[in-house]
Amino acid sequence: MKPLGAGTLLKAETSPFGVAMTVPQCIQYCLDRNGVKVVIVGCHSPQEVLEAVKHQQLDEKEKSYAHIFAAGTAISMTGKCMYCNHCQPCPAHLDIAAITKFLDLAAQQETVPDTVMEHYWSLSATAEDCLMCGRCEPNCPFGVNIRENMKKAREMFKR
């Protein structure tokens, strides 16, 4: 699992719940899934590391995310890539999920981190190779505008 949703769950404006979750709440959500015994958190900042470590010292109320679901807020995943690859097959052999994941990671930062840039350019095919045919979009169960994401990736990862 991606416990912090690549950072999207930590900001109200990007969270599918419409409210920001805390790092401990994200960790607890994962731990509450059947079969999950351990959560490895990929942190973007020292502050996120400190919040993740704090999880063990918090009481149940501080880790609870129940209020988010109890509020009855409609949860919308429409237009948000879940990196599931249901969009495949791609005639240009793009790993659409990977490209979109790197785009999402880069968009969370003020500048594209070197590591994200390197991972993007190490793909066997990038957004530059997209044919813009749109064959992927009807396959996406979340209604993601994949061609628009490929345009954004071309711009974001321009050399």
N, C-alpha and C. Protein backbone atom coordinates (compact mmCIF):
# COMPACT_ATOMS: atom_id res chain seq x y z
N MET A 1 0.84 -1.19 0.00
CA MET A 1 0.00 0.00 0.00
C MET A 1 0.88 1.24 0.00
N LYS A 2 0.31 2.33 -0.42
CA LYS A 2 0.98 3.63 -0.34
C LYS A 2 0.28 4.37 0.79
N PRO A 3 0.79 4.24 2.03
CA PRO A 3 0.06 4.74 3.18
C PRO A 3 -0.29 6.22 3.15
N LEU A 4 0.55 7.03 2.54
CA LEU A 4 0.27 8.47 2.49
C LEU A 4 -0.30 8.89 1.14
N GLY A 5 -0.55 7.92 0.28
CA GLY A 5 -1.10 8.23 -1.05
C GLY A 5 -0.21 9.20 -1.81
N ALA A 6 1.11 8.98 -1.73
CA ALA A 6 2.09 9.87 -2.37
C ALA A 6 1.91 11.32 -1.91
N GLY A 7 1.44 11.47 -0.66
CA GLY A 7 1.25 12.80 -0.09
C GLY A 7 -0.13 13.39 -0.31
N THR A 8 -0.92 12.77 -1.18
CA THR A 8 -2.23 13.34 -1.49
C THR A 8 -3.19 13.29 -0.31
N LEU A 9 -3.03 12.31 0.58
CA LEU A 9 -3.94 12.20 1.72
C LEU A 9 -3.66 13.22 2.81
N LEU A 10 -2.51 13.87 2.73
CA LEU A 10 -2.10 14.82 3.78
C LEU A 10 -2.57 16.24 3.52
N LYS A 11 -3.24 16.47 2.39
CA LYS A 11 -3.74 17.80 2.05
C LYS A 11 -5.22 17.70 1.67
N ALA A 12 -6.01 18.57 2.24
CA ALA A 12 -7.46 18.54 1.98
C ALA A 12 -7.77 18.70 0.49
N GLU A 13 -7.00 19.54 -0.19
CA GLU A 13 -7.32 19.82 -1.59
C GLU A 13 -7.00 18.65 -2.53
N THR A 14 -6.16 17.71 -2.10
CA THR A 14 -5.85 16.57 -2.96
C THR A 14 -6.41 15.25 -2.42
N SER A 15 -6.89 15.25 -1.21
CA SER A 15 -7.43 14.03 -0.60
C SER A 15 -8.80 13.70 -1.20
N PRO A 16 -9.04 12.43 -1.50
CA PRO A 16 -10.36 12.04 -2.01
C PRO A 16 -11.45 12.20 -0.96
N PHE A 17 -11.06 12.40 0.30
CA PHE A 17 -12.01 12.57 1.40
C PHE A 17 -12.38 14.02 1.63
N GLY A 18 -11.65 14.94 0.99
CA GLY A 18 -11.92 16.36 1.16
C GLY A 18 -11.35 16.94 2.43
N VAL A 19 -10.68 16.13 3.24
CA VAL A 19 -10.01 16.60 4.46
C VAL A 19 -8.62 15.97 4.51
N ALA A 20 -7.72 16.68 5.15
CA ALA A 20 -6.36 16.16 5.31
C ALA A 20 -6.34 15.12 6.42
N MET A 21 -5.63 14.04 6.17
CA MET A 21 -5.40 13.04 7.20
C MET A 21 -4.01 13.29 7.80
N THR A 22 -3.80 12.81 9.01
CA THR A 22 -2.47 12.88 9.60
C THR A 22 -1.70 11.63 9.20
N VAL A 23 -0.39 11.69 9.33
CA VAL A 23 0.43 10.51 9.03
C VAL A 23 0.00 9.33 9.90
N PRO A 24 -0.18 9.51 11.22
CA PRO A 24 -0.63 8.38 12.04
C PRO A 24 -1.99 7.82 11.61
N GLN A 25 -2.91 8.66 11.17
CA GLN A 25 -4.20 8.17 10.68
C GLN A 25 -4.02 7.31 9.42
N CYS A 26 -3.14 7.74 8.54
CA CYS A 26 -2.87 6.96 7.32
C CYS A 26 -2.27 5.60 7.67
N ILE A 27 -1.34 5.60 8.60
CA ILE A 27 -0.72 4.35 9.03
C ILE A 27 -1.77 3.43 9.64
N GLN A 28 -2.62 3.99 10.50
CA GLN A 28 -3.64 3.18 11.16
C GLN A 28 -4.62 2.60 10.15
N TYR A 29 -5.00 3.38 9.15
CA TYR A 29 -5.90 2.88 8.11
C TYR A 29 -5.31 1.62 7.48
N CYS A 30 -4.02 1.66 7.15
CA CYS A 30 -3.36 0.50 6.54
C CYS A 30 -3.34 -0.68 7.51
N LEU A 31 -2.99 -0.42 8.76
CA LEU A 31 -2.92 -1.49 9.75
C LEU A 31 -4.28 -2.13 10.03
N ASP A 32 -5.33 -1.39 9.77
CA ASP A 32 -6.68 -1.92 9.98
C ASP A 32 -7.14 -2.84 8.84
N ARG A 33 -6.39 -2.95 7.77
CA ARG A 33 -6.73 -3.84 6.67
C ARG A 33 -6.36 -5.28 7.05
N ASN A 34 -7.19 -6.22 6.64
CA ASN A 34 -6.91 -7.63 6.92
C ASN A 34 -5.56 -8.04 6.34
N GLY A 35 -4.80 -8.74 7.13
CA GLY A 35 -3.53 -9.29 6.67
C GLY A 35 -2.35 -8.33 6.73
N VAL A 36 -2.60 -7.05 7.04
CA VAL A 36 -1.50 -6.09 7.11
C VAL A 36 -0.94 -6.10 8.53
N LYS A 37 0.33 -6.38 8.64
CA LYS A 37 0.98 -6.43 9.95
C LYS A 37 2.00 -5.32 10.12
N VAL A 38 2.49 -4.79 9.01
CA VAL A 38 3.55 -3.78 9.05
C VAL A 38 3.28 -2.76 7.95
N VAL A 39 3.60 -1.52 8.22
CA VAL A 39 3.44 -0.46 7.22
C VAL A 39 4.79 0.23 7.05
N ILE A 40 5.24 0.29 5.83
CA ILE A 40 6.48 0.98 5.52
C ILE A 40 6.09 2.30 4.85
N VAL A 41 6.43 3.38 5.50
CA VAL A 41 6.01 4.71 5.04
C VAL A 41 7.14 5.37 4.27
N GLY A 42 6.85 5.79 3.06
CA GLY A 42 7.80 6.59 2.28
C GLY A 42 7.55 8.05 2.59
N CYS A 43 8.45 8.66 3.30
CA CYS A 43 8.26 10.04 3.75
C CYS A 43 8.99 11.03 2.85
N HIS A 44 8.40 12.20 2.69
CA HIS A 44 8.99 13.27 1.88
C HIS A 44 9.79 14.27 2.70
N SER A 45 9.58 14.24 4.01
CA SER A 45 10.23 15.25 4.84
C SER A 45 10.58 14.67 6.21
N PRO A 46 11.52 15.30 6.90
CA PRO A 46 11.83 14.88 8.28
C PRO A 46 10.59 14.95 9.18
N GLN A 47 9.73 15.92 8.94
CA GLN A 47 8.51 16.05 9.75
C GLN A 47 7.62 14.82 9.59
N GLU A 48 7.48 14.30 8.36
CA GLU A 48 6.68 13.11 8.14
C GLU A 48 7.30 11.90 8.84
N VAL A 49 8.62 11.82 8.88
CA VAL A 49 9.29 10.72 9.59
C VAL A 49 8.94 10.80 11.07
N LEU A 50 9.04 12.00 11.65
CA LEU A 50 8.73 12.17 13.07
C LEU A 50 7.27 11.82 13.37
N GLU A 51 6.36 12.21 12.47
CA GLU A 51 4.95 11.88 12.66
C GLU A 51 4.71 10.38 12.57
N ALA A 52 5.42 9.70 11.65
CA ALA A 52 5.27 8.25 11.51
C ALA A 52 5.74 7.53 12.76
N VAL A 53 6.88 7.96 13.29
CA VAL A 53 7.43 7.35 14.51
C VAL A 53 6.49 7.58 15.68
N LYS A 54 5.85 8.73 15.71
CA LYS A 54 4.93 9.10 16.80
C LYS A 54 3.72 8.16 16.88
N HIS A 55 3.41 7.49 15.79
CA HIS A 55 2.23 6.61 15.72
C HIS A 55 2.16 5.66 16.91
N GLN A 56 3.29 5.07 17.28
CA GLN A 56 3.31 4.09 18.36
C GLN A 56 2.96 4.67 19.72
N GLN A 57 3.21 5.95 19.93
CA GLN A 57 2.95 6.55 21.23
C GLN A 57 1.53 7.14 21.37
N LEU A 58 0.81 7.22 20.27
CA LEU A 58 -0.51 7.85 20.31
C LEU A 58 -1.57 6.89 20.82
N ASP A 59 -2.62 7.47 21.43
CA ASP A 59 -3.73 6.63 21.84
C ASP A 59 -4.66 6.41 20.64
N GLU A 60 -5.59 5.51 20.80
CA GLU A 60 -6.48 5.11 19.69
C GLU A 60 -7.25 6.30 19.11
N LYS A 61 -7.66 7.21 19.96
CA LYS A 61 -8.44 8.37 19.49
C LYS A 61 -7.62 9.24 18.53
N GLU A 62 -6.33 9.41 18.84
CA GLU A 62 -5.46 10.24 18.00
C GLU A 62 -5.14 9.58 16.66
N LYS A 63 -5.22 8.26 16.61
CA LYS A 63 -4.95 7.53 15.36
C LYS A 63 -6.22 7.32 14.54
N SER A 64 -7.35 7.58 15.13
CA SER A 64 -8.63 7.28 14.49
C SER A 64 -8.91 8.19 13.29
N TYR A 65 -9.45 7.59 12.27
CA TYR A 65 -9.87 8.31 11.07
C TYR A 65 -11.38 8.18 10.88
N ALA A 66 -12.05 7.61 11.88
CA ALA A 66 -13.49 7.33 11.80
C ALA A 66 -14.31 8.58 11.51
N HIS A 67 -13.89 9.72 12.07
CA HIS A 67 -14.65 10.96 11.88
C HIS A 67 -14.73 11.35 10.40
N ILE A 68 -13.75 10.97 9.64
CA ILE A 68 -13.74 11.31 8.20
C ILE A 68 -14.87 10.59 7.50
N PHE A 69 -15.04 9.30 7.79
CA PHE A 69 -16.09 8.51 7.16
C PHE A 69 -17.45 8.77 7.79
N ALA A 70 -17.47 9.09 9.09
CA ALA A 70 -18.72 9.35 9.78
C ALA A 70 -19.38 10.65 9.31
N ALA A 71 -18.57 11.56 8.78
CA ALA A 71 -19.11 12.85 8.32
C ALA A 71 -20.02 12.68 7.11
N GLY A 72 -19.99 11.51 6.48
CA GLY A 72 -20.85 11.25 5.33
C GLY A 72 -20.40 11.94 4.06
N THR A 73 -19.17 12.42 4.05
CA THR A 73 -18.64 13.08 2.87
C THR A 73 -18.52 12.07 1.74
N ALA A 74 -18.99 12.47 0.58
CA ALA A 74 -18.87 11.59 -0.59
C ALA A 74 -17.40 11.47 -0.96
N ILE A 75 -16.98 10.24 -1.15
CA ILE A 75 -15.59 9.99 -1.53
C ILE A 75 -15.55 9.80 -3.04
N SER A 76 -14.78 10.66 -3.69
CA SER A 76 -14.71 10.59 -5.14
C SER A 76 -13.30 10.26 -5.59
N MET A 77 -13.18 9.18 -6.30
CA MET A 77 -11.90 8.81 -6.88
C MET A 77 -11.90 9.12 -8.38
N THR A 78 -12.99 9.68 -8.87
CA THR A 78 -13.09 10.00 -10.29
C THR A 78 -11.99 10.97 -10.68
N GLY A 79 -11.26 10.61 -11.72
CA GLY A 79 -10.20 11.46 -12.24
C GLY A 79 -8.87 11.28 -11.53
N LYS A 80 -8.81 10.41 -10.53
CA LYS A 80 -7.57 10.17 -9.78
C LYS A 80 -7.01 8.80 -10.14
N CYS A 81 -5.81 8.79 -10.65
CA CYS A 81 -5.18 7.52 -11.04
C CYS A 81 -4.82 6.72 -9.80
N MET A 82 -5.19 5.46 -9.81
CA MET A 82 -4.88 4.55 -8.71
C MET A 82 -3.73 3.62 -9.09
N TYR A 83 -3.10 3.87 -10.24
CA TYR A 83 -1.93 3.11 -10.71
C TYR A 83 -2.25 1.62 -10.86
N CYS A 84 -3.47 1.31 -11.25
CA CYS A 84 -3.94 -0.07 -11.32
C CYS A 84 -3.62 -0.76 -12.65
N ASN A 85 -3.28 0.03 -13.66
CA ASN A 85 -2.96 -0.47 -15.01
C ASN A 85 -4.15 -1.08 -15.74
N HIS A 86 -5.37 -0.78 -15.32
CA HIS A 86 -6.52 -1.22 -16.10
C HIS A 86 -6.58 -0.51 -17.45
N CYS A 87 -5.81 0.55 -17.59
CA CYS A 87 -5.77 1.31 -18.84
C CYS A 87 -5.04 0.55 -19.95
N GLN A 88 -4.31 -0.49 -19.59
CA GLN A 88 -3.53 -1.26 -20.55
C GLN A 88 -4.43 -2.15 -21.42
N PRO A 89 -4.01 -2.56 -22.57
CA PRO A 89 -2.68 -2.40 -23.16
C PRO A 89 -2.54 -1.07 -23.88
N CYS A 90 -1.33 -0.59 -23.93
CA CYS A 90 -1.00 0.65 -24.64
C CYS A 90 -0.27 0.28 -25.93
N PRO A 91 -0.75 0.78 -27.07
CA PRO A 91 -0.07 0.45 -28.33
C PRO A 91 1.37 0.98 -28.41
N ALA A 92 1.69 2.00 -27.59
CA ALA A 92 3.06 2.54 -27.57
C ALA A 92 3.89 1.90 -26.45
N HIS A 93 3.30 0.92 -25.76
CA HIS A 93 3.98 0.18 -24.69
C HIS A 93 4.39 1.07 -23.52
N LEU A 94 3.57 2.09 -23.23
CA LEU A 94 3.82 2.94 -22.07
C LEU A 94 3.39 2.23 -20.80
N ASP A 95 4.13 2.42 -19.73
CA ASP A 95 3.69 2.02 -18.40
C ASP A 95 2.97 3.27 -17.86
N ILE A 96 1.71 3.38 -18.22
CA ILE A 96 0.92 4.58 -17.90
C ILE A 96 0.88 4.83 -16.39
N ALA A 97 0.73 3.77 -15.62
CA ALA A 97 0.68 3.91 -14.16
C ALA A 97 1.98 4.51 -13.62
N ALA A 98 3.11 4.02 -14.10
CA ALA A 98 4.40 4.53 -13.63
C ALA A 98 4.59 5.99 -14.02
N ILE A 99 4.26 6.32 -15.25
CA ILE A 99 4.39 7.71 -15.71
C ILE A 99 3.52 8.63 -14.84
N THR A 100 2.30 8.20 -14.60
CA THR A 100 1.38 9.01 -13.80
C THR A 100 1.86 9.11 -12.36
N LYS A 101 2.39 8.02 -11.82
CA LYS A 101 2.92 8.06 -10.45
C LYS A 101 4.06 9.07 -10.35
N PHE A 102 4.97 9.05 -11.31
CA PHE A 102 6.08 10.01 -11.28
C PHE A 102 5.57 11.43 -11.46
N LEU A 103 4.57 11.60 -12.31
CA LEU A 103 3.95 12.92 -12.48
C LEU A 103 3.35 13.40 -11.17
N ASP A 104 2.60 12.54 -10.49
CA ASP A 104 1.98 12.90 -9.21
C ASP A 104 3.03 13.23 -8.16
N LEU A 105 4.10 12.43 -8.09
CA LEU A 105 5.17 12.70 -7.13
C LEU A 105 5.85 14.03 -7.42
N ALA A 106 6.11 14.30 -8.68
CA ALA A 106 6.77 15.55 -9.07
C ALA A 106 5.87 16.76 -8.78
N ALA A 107 4.58 16.61 -9.01
CA ALA A 107 3.64 17.72 -8.82
C ALA A 107 3.50 18.11 -7.35
N GLN A 108 3.86 17.22 -6.44
CA GLN A 108 3.78 17.50 -5.01
C GLN A 108 4.90 18.42 -4.55
N GLN A 109 5.92 18.61 -5.37
CA GLN A 109 7.11 19.37 -5.00
C GLN A 109 7.17 20.70 -5.77
N GLU A 110 7.96 21.62 -5.26
CA GLU A 110 8.15 22.89 -5.98
C GLU A 110 8.97 22.68 -7.24
N THR A 111 9.95 21.80 -7.16
CA THR A 111 10.75 21.43 -8.33
C THR A 111 10.79 19.90 -8.38
N VAL A 112 11.00 19.38 -9.57
CA VAL A 112 11.03 17.93 -9.73
C VAL A 112 12.28 17.38 -9.06
N PRO A 113 12.12 16.48 -8.08
CA PRO A 113 13.30 15.89 -7.44
C PRO A 113 14.13 15.10 -8.45
N ASP A 114 15.44 15.15 -8.29
CA ASP A 114 16.33 14.45 -9.21
C ASP A 114 16.01 12.96 -9.28
N THR A 115 15.68 12.35 -8.15
CA THR A 115 15.39 10.92 -8.14
C THR A 115 14.16 10.59 -8.98
N VAL A 116 13.12 11.43 -8.88
CA VAL A 116 11.91 11.21 -9.67
C VAL A 116 12.22 11.40 -11.16
N MET A 117 12.99 12.42 -11.47
CA MET A 117 13.39 12.67 -12.86
C MET A 117 14.16 11.46 -13.41
N GLU A 118 15.09 10.94 -12.63
CA GLU A 118 15.88 9.79 -13.07
C GLU A 118 15.02 8.56 -13.28
N HIS A 119 14.09 8.32 -12.37
CA HIS A 119 13.21 7.15 -12.52
C HIS A 119 12.33 7.30 -13.76
N TYR A 120 11.81 8.50 -13.98
CA TYR A 120 10.97 8.74 -15.16
C TYR A 120 11.76 8.45 -16.44
N TRP A 121 12.95 9.02 -16.55
CA TRP A 121 13.73 8.86 -17.78
C TRP A 121 14.33 7.47 -17.93
N SER A 122 14.27 6.65 -16.87
CA SER A 122 14.75 5.27 -17.01
C SER A 122 13.67 4.33 -17.54
N LEU A 123 12.44 4.83 -17.66
CA LEU A 123 11.37 4.01 -18.24
C LEU A 123 11.69 3.69 -19.69
N SER A 124 11.26 2.53 -20.15
CA SER A 124 11.54 2.14 -21.54
C SER A 124 10.76 3.01 -22.53
N ALA A 125 9.64 3.58 -22.10
CA ALA A 125 8.87 4.51 -22.92
C ALA A 125 8.32 5.58 -21.99
N THR A 126 8.37 6.83 -22.41
CA THR A 126 7.89 7.94 -21.59
C THR A 126 6.68 8.60 -22.26
N ALA A 127 6.17 9.62 -21.63
CA ALA A 127 5.04 10.36 -22.20
C ALA A 127 5.37 10.92 -23.57
N GLU A 128 6.64 11.13 -23.83
CA GLU A 128 7.07 11.60 -25.15
C GLU A 128 6.66 10.61 -26.24
N ASP A 129 6.55 9.34 -25.88
CA ASP A 129 6.22 8.28 -26.85
C ASP A 129 4.72 8.07 -27.01
N CYS A 130 3.91 8.75 -26.20
CA CYS A 130 2.46 8.58 -26.26
C CYS A 130 1.93 8.99 -27.63
N LEU A 131 1.09 8.13 -28.19
CA LEU A 131 0.50 8.39 -29.51
C LEU A 131 -0.73 9.30 -29.43
N MET A 132 -1.21 9.57 -28.21
CA MET A 132 -2.42 10.37 -27.98
C MET A 132 -3.64 9.75 -28.68
N CYS A 133 -3.63 8.42 -28.78
CA CYS A 133 -4.73 7.73 -29.47
C CYS A 133 -5.97 7.60 -28.59
N GLY A 134 -5.79 7.63 -27.27
CA GLY A 134 -6.92 7.56 -26.35
C GLY A 134 -7.46 6.16 -26.10
N ARG A 135 -6.82 5.13 -26.62
CA ARG A 135 -7.31 3.77 -26.41
C ARG A 135 -7.33 3.37 -24.95
N CYS A 136 -6.50 4.01 -24.14
CA CYS A 136 -6.39 3.71 -22.71
C CYS A 136 -7.59 4.23 -21.91
N GLU A 137 -8.11 5.36 -22.29
CA GLU A 137 -9.09 6.06 -21.45
C GLU A 137 -10.39 5.30 -21.22
N PRO A 138 -10.97 4.64 -22.20
CA PRO A 138 -12.20 3.88 -21.90
C PRO A 138 -11.98 2.71 -20.94
N ASN A 139 -10.75 2.25 -20.82
CA ASN A 139 -10.44 1.15 -19.92
C ASN A 139 -10.30 1.58 -18.46
N CYS A 140 -10.12 2.87 -18.22
CA CYS A 140 -9.87 3.37 -16.87
C CYS A 140 -11.17 3.41 -16.05
N PRO A 141 -11.21 2.63 -14.94
CA PRO A 141 -12.43 2.63 -14.13
C PRO A 141 -12.62 3.92 -13.32
N PHE A 142 -11.61 4.80 -13.32
CA PHE A 142 -11.69 6.03 -12.53
C PHE A 142 -11.86 7.28 -13.37
N GLY A 143 -12.01 7.09 -14.68
CA GLY A 143 -12.26 8.23 -15.56
C GLY A 143 -11.11 9.21 -15.65
N VAL A 144 -9.90 8.71 -15.56
CA VAL A 144 -8.72 9.57 -15.63
C VAL A 144 -8.52 10.05 -17.07
N ASN A 145 -8.24 11.34 -17.22
CA ASN A 145 -7.92 11.90 -18.53
C ASN A 145 -6.43 11.63 -18.77
N ILE A 146 -6.15 10.44 -19.27
CA ILE A 146 -4.77 9.97 -19.41
C ILE A 146 -4.00 10.80 -20.42
N ARG A 147 -4.64 11.16 -21.51
CA ARG A 147 -3.93 11.97 -22.51
C ARG A 147 -3.50 13.31 -21.92
N GLU A 148 -4.34 13.90 -21.10
CA GLU A 148 -3.97 15.16 -20.44
C GLU A 148 -2.79 14.95 -19.50
N ASN A 149 -2.80 13.83 -18.77
CA ASN A 149 -1.67 13.51 -17.88
C ASN A 149 -0.38 13.34 -18.68
N MET A 150 -0.48 12.73 -19.86
CA MET A 150 0.72 12.55 -20.68
C MET A 150 1.25 13.91 -21.16
N LYS A 151 0.35 14.83 -21.48
CA LYS A 151 0.78 16.18 -21.86
C LYS A 151 1.48 16.87 -20.69
N LYS A 152 0.90 16.71 -19.50
CA LYS A 152 1.51 17.31 -18.30
C LYS A 152 2.88 16.70 -18.03
N ALA A 153 2.98 15.38 -18.19
CA ALA A 153 4.26 14.70 -17.95
C ALA A 153 5.31 15.18 -18.95
N ARG A 154 4.92 15.37 -20.20
CA ARG A 154 5.86 15.88 -21.20
C ARG A 154 6.43 17.21 -20.76
N GLU A 155 5.55 18.07 -20.23
CA GLU A 155 5.97 19.39 -19.79
C GLU A 155 6.79 19.31 -18.50
N MET A 156 6.32 18.53 -17.55
CA MET A 156 6.98 18.42 -16.24
C MET A 156 8.39 17.86 -16.35
N PHE A 157 8.57 16.86 -17.23
CA PHE A 157 9.85 16.17 -17.31
C PHE A 157 10.70 16.61 -18.51
N LYS A 158 10.37 17.77 -19.04
CA LYS A 158 11.13 18.31 -20.17
C LYS A 158 12.60 18.45 -19.77
N ARG A 159 13.47 18.01 -20.67
CA ARG A 159 14.92 18.14 -20.39
C ARG A 159 15.45 19.44 -20.87
